[in-house]
């Protein structure tokens, strides 16, 4: 909506850079609104996961293979 109005009321030089400014402001606003709306549910999910038993327990370390292993051998599966 701003482009047709600006095309008839502003000089061409202004419209060249104004499109970029409008895009940057729009993207910044979308990032702020999207982050604000997504942060609450994300915080709740992380909190719920942290309360479950063993949520932060480290996984068992994989066995270290010291001998050469052939491609397709059962040790690689």
PDB file of N, CA and C in Angstrom:
ATOM      1  N   UNK A   1       0.813  -1.177   0.000  1.00  0.00           N
ATOM      2  CA  UNK A   1       0.000   0.000   0.000  1.00  0.00           C
ATOM      3  C   UNK A   1       0.869   1.258   0.000  1.00  0.00           C
ATOM      4  N   UNK A   2       2.011   1.171   0.633  1.00  0.00           N
ATOM      5  CA  UNK A   2       2.889   2.340   0.709  1.00  0.00           C
ATOM      6  C   UNK A   2       3.535   2.644  -0.644  1.00  0.00           C
ATOM      7  N   UNK A   3       3.769   1.633  -1.450  1.00  0.00           N
ATOM      8  CA  UNK A   3       4.450   1.853  -2.734  1.00  0.00           C
ATOM      9  C   UNK A   3       3.623   2.692  -3.710  1.00  0.00           C
ATOM     10  N   UNK A   4       2.349   2.389  -3.925  1.00  0.00           N
ATOM     11  CA  UNK A   4       1.581   3.245  -4.846  1.00  0.00           C
ATOM     12  C   UNK A   4       1.422   4.679  -4.331  1.00  0.00           C
ATOM     13  N   UNK A   5       1.228   4.814  -3.034  1.00  0.00           N
ATOM     14  CA  UNK A   5       1.088   6.156  -2.477  1.00  0.00           C
ATOM     15  C   UNK A   5       2.409   6.912  -2.603  1.00  0.00           C
ATOM     16  N   UNK A   6       3.513   6.262  -2.276  1.00  0.00           N
ATOM     17  CA  UNK A   6       4.820   6.898  -2.382  1.00  0.00           C
ATOM     18  C   UNK A   6       5.209   7.208  -3.812  1.00  0.00           C
ATOM     19  N   UNK A   7       4.798   6.363  -4.739  1.00  0.00           N
ATOM     20  CA  UNK A   7       5.154   6.574  -6.144  1.00  0.00           C
ATOM     21  C   UNK A   7       4.547   7.866  -6.695  1.00  0.00           C
ATOM     22  N   UNK A   8       3.373   8.234  -6.210  1.00  0.00           N
ATOM     23  CA  UNK A   8       2.731   9.449  -6.704  1.00  0.00           C
ATOM     24  C   UNK A   8       3.037  10.675  -5.847  1.00  0.00           C
ATOM     25  N   UNK A   9       3.551  10.481  -4.635  1.00  0.00           N
ATOM     26  CA  UNK A   9       3.739  11.637  -3.761  1.00  0.00           C
ATOM     27  C   UNK A   9       5.195  11.929  -3.411  1.00  0.00           C
ATOM     28  N   UNK A  10       6.125  11.006  -3.680  1.00  0.00           N
ATOM     29  CA  UNK A  10       7.526  11.205  -3.323  1.00  0.00           C
ATOM     30  C   UNK A  10       8.398  11.167  -4.575  1.00  0.00           C
ATOM     31  N   UNK A  11       9.569  11.799  -4.524  1.00  0.00           N
ATOM     32  CA  UNK A  11      10.487  11.725  -5.663  1.00  0.00           C
ATOM     33  C   UNK A  11      11.036  10.307  -5.852  1.00  0.00           C
ATOM     34  N   UNK A  12      11.492  10.024  -7.040  1.00  0.00           N
ATOM     35  CA  UNK A  12      12.016   8.688  -7.365  1.00  0.00           C
ATOM     36  C   UNK A  12      13.221   8.358  -6.496  1.00  0.00           C
ATOM     37  N   UNK A  13      14.115   9.310  -6.284  1.00  0.00           N
ATOM     38  CA  UNK A  13      15.301   9.058  -5.455  1.00  0.00           C
ATOM     39  C   UNK A  13      14.914   8.617  -4.043  1.00  0.00           C
ATOM     40  N   UNK A  14      13.879   9.212  -3.501  1.00  0.00           N
ATOM     41  CA  UNK A  14      13.430   8.827  -2.158  1.00  0.00           C
ATOM     42  C   UNK A  14      12.831   7.426  -2.177  1.00  0.00           C
ATOM     43  N   UNK A  15      12.066   7.116  -3.188  1.00  0.00           N
ATOM     44  CA  UNK A  15      11.444   5.795  -3.264  1.00  0.00           C
ATOM     45  C   UNK A  15      12.480   4.685  -3.429  1.00  0.00           C
ATOM     46  N   UNK A  16      13.629   5.001  -4.016  1.00  0.00           N
ATOM     47  CA  UNK A  16      14.668   3.980  -4.213  1.00  0.00           C
ATOM     48  C   UNK A  16      15.179   3.486  -2.867  1.00  0.00           C
ATOM     49  N   UNK A  17      15.486   4.379  -1.952  1.00  0.00           N
ATOM     50  CA  UNK A  17      16.027   3.936  -0.660  1.00  0.00           C
ATOM     51  C   UNK A  17      14.927   3.661   0.359  1.00  0.00           C
ATOM     52  N   UNK A  18      13.757   4.254   0.176  1.00  0.00           N
ATOM     53  CA  UNK A  18      12.685   4.061   1.149  1.00  0.00           C
ATOM     54  C   UNK A  18      12.165   2.623   1.156  1.00  0.00           C
ATOM     55  N   UNK A  19      12.197   1.949   0.027  1.00  0.00           N
ATOM     56  CA  UNK A  19      11.771   0.551  -0.016  1.00  0.00           C
ATOM     57  C   UNK A  19      12.635  -0.328   0.861  1.00  0.00           C
ATOM     58  N   UNK A  20      13.945  -0.074   0.843  1.00  0.00           N
ATOM     59  CA  UNK A  20      14.861  -0.840   1.690  1.00  0.00           C
ATOM     60  C   UNK A  20      14.607  -0.546   3.162  1.00  0.00           C
ATOM     61  N   UNK A  21      14.391   0.707   3.493  1.00  0.00           N
ATOM     62  CA  UNK A  21      14.130   1.086   4.891  1.00  0.00           C
ATOM     63  C   UNK A  21      12.840   0.442   5.382  1.00  0.00           C
ATOM     64  N   UNK A  22      11.809   0.471   4.573  1.00  0.00           N
ATOM     65  CA  UNK A  22      10.539  -0.151   4.968  1.00  0.00           C
ATOM     66  C   UNK A  22      10.722  -1.655   5.171  1.00  0.00           C
ATOM     67  N   UNK A  23      11.492  -2.310   4.310  1.00  0.00           N
ATOM     68  CA  UNK A  23      11.726  -3.746   4.452  1.00  0.00           C
ATOM     69  C   UNK A  23      12.486  -4.062   5.736  1.00  0.00           C
ATOM     70  N   UNK A  24      13.512  -3.280   6.051  1.00  0.00           N
ATOM     71  CA  UNK A  24      14.300  -3.517   7.267  1.00  0.00           C
ATOM     72  C   UNK A  24      13.439  -3.325   8.514  1.00  0.00           C
ATOM     73  N   UNK A  25      12.634  -2.269   8.533  1.00  0.00           N
ATOM     74  CA  UNK A  25      11.767  -2.017   9.686  1.00  0.00           C
ATOM     75  C   UNK A  25      10.728  -3.129   9.829  1.00  0.00           C
ATOM     76  N   UNK A  26      10.166  -3.572   8.721  1.00  0.00           N
ATOM     77  CA  UNK A  26       9.175  -4.640   8.760  1.00  0.00           C
ATOM     78  C   UNK A  26       9.779  -5.943   9.276  1.00  0.00           C
ATOM     79  N   UNK A  27      10.969  -6.290   8.778  1.00  0.00           N
ATOM     80  CA  UNK A  27      11.622  -7.525   9.234  1.00  0.00           C
ATOM     81  C   UNK A  27      11.997  -7.434  10.703  1.00  0.00           C
ATOM     82  N   UNK A  28      12.507  -6.292  11.135  1.00  0.00           N
ATOM     83  CA  UNK A  28      12.844  -6.119  12.552  1.00  0.00           C
ATOM     84  C   UNK A  28      11.630  -6.268  13.445  1.00  0.00           C
ATOM     85  N   UNK A  29      10.515  -5.663  13.041  1.00  0.00           N
ATOM     86  CA  UNK A  29       9.288  -5.811  13.819  1.00  0.00           C
ATOM     87  C   UNK A  29       8.795  -7.246  13.855  1.00  0.00           C
ATOM     88  N   UNK A  30       8.900  -7.937  12.724  1.00  0.00           N
ATOM     89  CA  UNK A  30       8.480  -9.340  12.685  1.00  0.00           C
ATOM     90  C   UNK A  30       9.367 -10.207  13.572  1.00  0.00           C
ATOM     91  N   UNK A  31      10.664  -9.919  13.588  1.00  0.00           N
ATOM     92  CA  UNK A  31      11.578 -10.683  14.458  1.00  0.00           C
ATOM     93  C   UNK A  31      11.234 -10.448  15.919  1.00  0.00           C
ATOM     94  N   UNK A  32      10.958  -9.207  16.291  1.00  0.00           N
ATOM     95  CA  UNK A  32      10.631  -8.906  17.686  1.00  0.00           C
ATOM     96  C   UNK A  32       9.324  -9.557  18.100  1.00  0.00           C
ATOM     97  N   UNK A  33       8.303  -9.440  17.275  1.00  0.00           N
ATOM     98  CA  UNK A  33       7.004 -10.024  17.614  1.00  0.00           C
ATOM     99  C   UNK A  33       7.089 -11.546  17.620  1.00  0.00           C
ATOM    100  N   UNK A  34       7.737 -12.117  16.621  1.00  0.00           N
ATOM    101  CA  UNK A  34       7.871 -13.579  16.560  1.00  0.00           C
ATOM    102  C   UNK A  34       8.678 -14.131  17.724  1.00  0.00           C
ATOM    103  N   UNK A  35       9.734 -13.438  18.099  1.00  0.00           N
ATOM    104  CA  UNK A  35      10.537 -13.878  19.242  1.00  0.00           C
ATOM    105  C   UNK A  35       9.777 -13.776  20.543  1.00  0.00           C
ATOM    106  N   UNK A  36       9.003 -12.707  20.697  1.00  0.00           N
ATOM    107  CA  UNK A  36       8.228 -12.524  21.925  1.00  0.00           C
ATOM    108  C   UNK A  36       7.135 -13.582  22.045  1.00  0.00           C
ATOM    109  N   UNK A  37       6.506 -13.921  20.933  1.00  0.00           N
ATOM    110  CA  UNK A  37       5.445 -14.924  20.975  1.00  0.00           C
ATOM    111  C   UNK A  37       5.999 -16.343  21.109  1.00  0.00           C
ATOM    112  N   UNK A  38       7.214 -16.563  20.635  1.00  0.00           N
ATOM    113  CA  UNK A  38       7.788 -17.901  20.696  1.00  0.00           C
ATOM    114  C   UNK A  38       8.566 -18.181  21.964  1.00  0.00           C
ATOM    115  N   UNK A  39       8.992 -17.134  22.676  1.00  0.00           N
ATOM    116  CA  UNK A  39       9.836 -17.329  23.860  1.00  0.00           C
ATOM    117  C   UNK A  39       9.067 -17.965  25.015  1.00  0.00           C
ATOM    118  N   UNK A  40       7.819 -17.573  25.212  1.00  0.00           N
ATOM    119  CA  UNK A  40       7.022 -18.119  26.318  1.00  0.00           C
ATOM    120  C   UNK A  40       6.802 -19.619  26.196  1.00  0.00           C
ATOM    121  N   UNK A  41       6.263 -20.089  25.078  1.00  0.00           N
ATOM    122  CA  UNK A  41       6.080 -21.533  24.929  1.00  0.00           C
ATOM    123  C   UNK A  41       7.402 -22.307  24.971  1.00  0.00           C
ATOM    124  N   UNK A  42       8.457 -21.724  24.416  1.00  0.00           N
ATOM    125  CA  UNK A  42       9.749 -22.393  24.441  1.00  0.00           C
ATOM    126  C   UNK A  42      10.252 -22.539  25.869  1.00  0.00           C
ATOM    127  N   UNK A  43      10.099 -21.497  26.673  1.00  0.00           N
ATOM    128  CA  UNK A  43      10.512 -21.551  28.071  1.00  0.00           C
ATOM    129  C   UNK A  43       9.728 -22.619  28.826  1.00  0.00           C
ATOM    130  N   UNK A  44       8.440 -22.729  28.561  1.00  0.00           N
ATOM    131  CA  UNK A  44       7.615 -23.741  29.217  1.00  0.00           C
ATOM    132  C   UNK A  44       8.040 -25.150  28.811  1.00  0.00           C
ATOM    133  N   UNK A  45       8.359 -25.358  27.529  1.00  0.00           N
ATOM    134  CA  UNK A  45       8.776 -26.684  27.069  1.00  0.00           C
ATOM    135  C   UNK A  45      10.114 -27.088  27.682  1.00  0.00           C
ATOM    136  N   UNK A  46      11.040 -26.154  27.742  1.00  0.00           N
ATOM    137  CA  UNK A  46      12.349 -26.465  28.326  1.00  0.00           C
ATOM    138  C   UNK A  46      12.201 -26.748  29.808  1.00  0.00           C
ATOM    139  N   UNK A  47      11.374 -25.973  30.511  1.00  0.00           N
ATOM    140  CA  UNK A  47      11.147 -26.213  31.938  1.00  0.00           C
ATOM    141  C   UNK A  47      10.512 -27.565  32.195  1.00  0.00           C
ATOM    142  N   UNK A  48       9.533 -27.939  31.374  1.00  0.00           N
ATOM    143  CA  UNK A  48       8.881 -29.243  31.531  1.00  0.00           C
ATOM    144  C   UNK A  48       9.859 -30.378  31.255  1.00  0.00           C
ATOM    145  N   UNK A  49      10.714 -30.201  30.267  1.00  0.00           N
ATOM    146  CA  UNK A  49      11.693 -31.237  29.949  1.00  0.00           C
ATOM    147  C   UNK A  49      12.724 -31.373  31.063  1.00  0.00           C
ATOM    148  N   UNK A  50      13.102 -30.251  31.680  1.00  0.00           N
ATOM    149  CA  UNK A  50      14.097 -30.299  32.749  1.00  0.00           C
ATOM    150  C   UNK A  50      13.550 -30.977  33.994  1.00  0.00           C
ATOM    151  N   UNK A  51      12.230 -30.930  34.202  1.00  0.00           N
ATOM    152  CA  UNK A  51      11.618 -31.550  35.379  1.00  0.00           C
ATOM    153  C   UNK A  51      11.497 -33.061  35.253  1.00  0.00           C
ATOM    154  N   UNK A  52      11.520 -33.590  34.039  1.00  0.00           N
ATOM    155  CA  UNK A  52      11.392 -35.031  33.864  1.00  0.00           C
ATOM    156  C   UNK A  52      12.664 -35.720  34.338  1.00  0.00           C
ATOM    157  N   UNK A  53      12.525 -36.952  34.795  1.00  0.00           N
ATOM    158  CA  UNK A  53      13.663 -37.696  35.350  1.00  0.00           C
ATOM    159  C   UNK A  53      14.678 -37.996  34.263  1.00  0.00           C
ATOM    160  N   UNK A  54      15.930 -37.681  34.539  1.00  0.00           N
ATOM    161  CA  UNK A  54      17.013 -38.006  33.627  1.00  0.00           C
ATOM    162  C   UNK A  54      17.090 -37.130  32.401  1.00  0.00           C
ATOM    163  N   UNK A  55      16.409 -36.001  32.425  1.00  0.00           N
ATOM    164  CA  UNK A  55      16.411 -35.144  31.243  1.00  0.00           C
ATOM    165  C   UNK A  55      17.792 -34.579  30.971  1.00  0.00           C
ATOM    166  N   UNK A  56      18.544 -34.316  32.024  1.00  0.00           N
ATOM    167  CA  UNK A  56      19.862 -33.708  31.852  1.00  0.00           C
ATOM    168  C   UNK A  56      20.992 -34.709  32.052  1.00  0.00           C
ATOM    169  N   UNK A  57      20.647 -35.977  32.198  1.00  0.00           N
ATOM    170  CA  UNK A  57      21.684 -36.980  32.410  1.00  0.00           C
ATOM    171  C   UNK A  57      22.469 -37.178  31.116  1.00  0.00           C
ATOM    172  N   UNK A  58      23.785 -37.221  31.209  1.00  0.00           N
ATOM    173  CA  UNK A  58      24.568 -37.423  29.991  1.00  0.00           C
ATOM    174  C   UNK A  58      24.379 -38.835  29.448  1.00  0.00           C
ATOM    175  N   UNK A  59      24.443 -38.957  28.160  1.00  0.00           N
ATOM    176  CA  UNK A  59      24.320 -40.264  27.518  1.00  0.00           C
ATOM    177  C   UNK A  59      25.599 -41.060  27.758  1.00  0.00           C
ATOM    178  N   UNK A  60      25.479 -42.365  27.688  1.00  0.00           N
ATOM    179  CA  UNK A  60      26.648 -43.211  27.872  1.00  0.00           C
ATOM    180  C   UNK A  60      27.639 -42.961  26.739  1.00  0.00           C
ATOM    181  N   UNK A  61      28.902 -42.917  27.102  1.00  0.00           N
ATOM    182  CA  UNK A  61      29.937 -42.677  26.096  1.00  0.00           C
ATOM    183  C   UNK A  61      30.060 -43.899  25.193  1.00  0.00           C
ATOM    184  N   UNK A  62      30.206 -43.710  23.905  1.00  0.00           N
ATOM    185  CA  UNK A  62      30.352 -44.854  23.006  1.00  0.00           C
ATOM    186  C   UNK A  62      31.702 -45.539  23.232  1.00  0.00           C
ATOM    187  N   UNK A  63      31.725 -46.827  22.944  1.00  0.00           N
ATOM    188  CA  UNK A  63      32.965 -47.588  23.095  1.00  0.00           C
ATOM    189  C   UNK A  63      33.984 -47.115  22.062  1.00  0.00           C
ATOM    190  N   UNK A  64      35.222 -47.042  22.469  1.00  0.00           N
ATOM    191  CA  UNK A  64      36.290 -46.608  21.576  1.00  0.00           C
ATOM    192  C   UNK A  64      36.845 -47.831  20.859  1.00  0.00           C
ATOM    193  N   UNK A  65      36.883 -47.781  19.547  1.00  0.00           N
ATOM    194  CA  UNK A  65      37.410 -48.871  18.737  1.00  0.00           C
ATOM    195  C   UNK A  65      38.873 -48.573  18.472  1.00  0.00           C
ATOM    196  N   UNK A  66      39.752 -49.483  18.900  1.00  0.00           N
ATOM    197  CA  UNK A  66      41.178 -49.234  18.731  1.00  0.00           C
ATOM    198  C   UNK A  66      41.756 -49.975  17.536  1.00  0.00           C
ATOM    199  N   UNK A  67      41.107 -51.055  17.132  1.00  0.00           N
ATOM    200  CA  UNK A  67      41.611 -51.822  15.995  1.00  0.00           C
ATOM    201  C   UNK A  67      40.987 -51.279  14.714  1.00  0.00           C
ATOM    202  N   UNK A  68      41.664 -51.431  13.579  1.00  0.00           N
ATOM    203  CA  UNK A  68      41.070 -50.997  12.315  1.00  0.00           C
ATOM    204  C   UNK A  68      39.771 -51.758  12.052  1.00  0.00           C
ATOM    205  N   UNK A  69      38.797 -51.052  11.521  1.00  0.00           N
ATOM    206  CA  UNK A  69      37.493 -51.636  11.262  1.00  0.00           C
ATOM    207  C   UNK A  69      37.211 -51.527   9.767  1.00  0.00           C
ATOM    208  N   UNK A  70      36.759 -52.613   9.161  1.00  0.00           N
ATOM    209  CA  UNK A  70      36.440 -52.625   7.731  1.00  0.00           C
ATOM    210  C   UNK A  70      35.087 -51.978   7.498  1.00  0.00           C
ATOM    211  N   UNK A  71      34.935 -51.353   6.359  1.00  0.00           N
ATOM    212  CA  UNK A  71      33.660 -50.730   6.012  1.00  0.00           C
ATOM    213  C   UNK A  71      32.614 -51.819   5.878  1.00  0.00           C
ATOM    214  N   UNK A  72      31.472 -51.607   6.499  1.00  0.00           N
ATOM    215  CA  UNK A  72      30.377 -52.572   6.458  1.00  0.00           C
ATOM    216  C   UNK A  72      30.443 -53.590   7.569  1.00  0.00           C
ATOM    217  N   UNK A  73      31.412 -53.496   8.468  1.00  0.00           N
ATOM    218  CA  UNK A  73      31.508 -54.460   9.567  1.00  0.00           C
ATOM    219  C   UNK A  73      30.448 -54.141  10.623  1.00  0.00           C
ATOM    220  N   UNK A  74      30.083 -55.098  11.444  1.00  0.00           N
ATOM    221  CA  UNK A  74      29.044 -54.897  12.462  1.00  0.00           C
ATOM    222  C   UNK A  74      29.452 -53.834  13.502  1.00  0.00           C
ATOM    223  N   UNK A  75      30.732 -53.567  13.692  1.00  0.00           N
ATOM    224  CA  UNK A  75      31.136 -52.590  14.688  1.00  0.00           C
ATOM    225  C   UNK A  75      30.711 -51.160  14.322  1.00  0.00           C
ATOM    226  N   UNK A  76      30.472 -50.914  13.042  1.00  0.00           N
ATOM    227  CA  UNK A  76      30.101 -49.576  12.611  1.00  0.00           C
ATOM    228  C   UNK A  76      28.607 -49.338  12.675  1.00  0.00           C
ATOM    229  N   UNK A  77      27.841 -50.339  12.933  1.00  0.00           N
ATOM    230  CA  UNK A  77      26.368 -50.183  12.968  1.00  0.00           C
ATOM    231  C   UNK A  77      25.873 -49.808  14.299  1.00  0.00           C
TER     232      UNK A  77
END
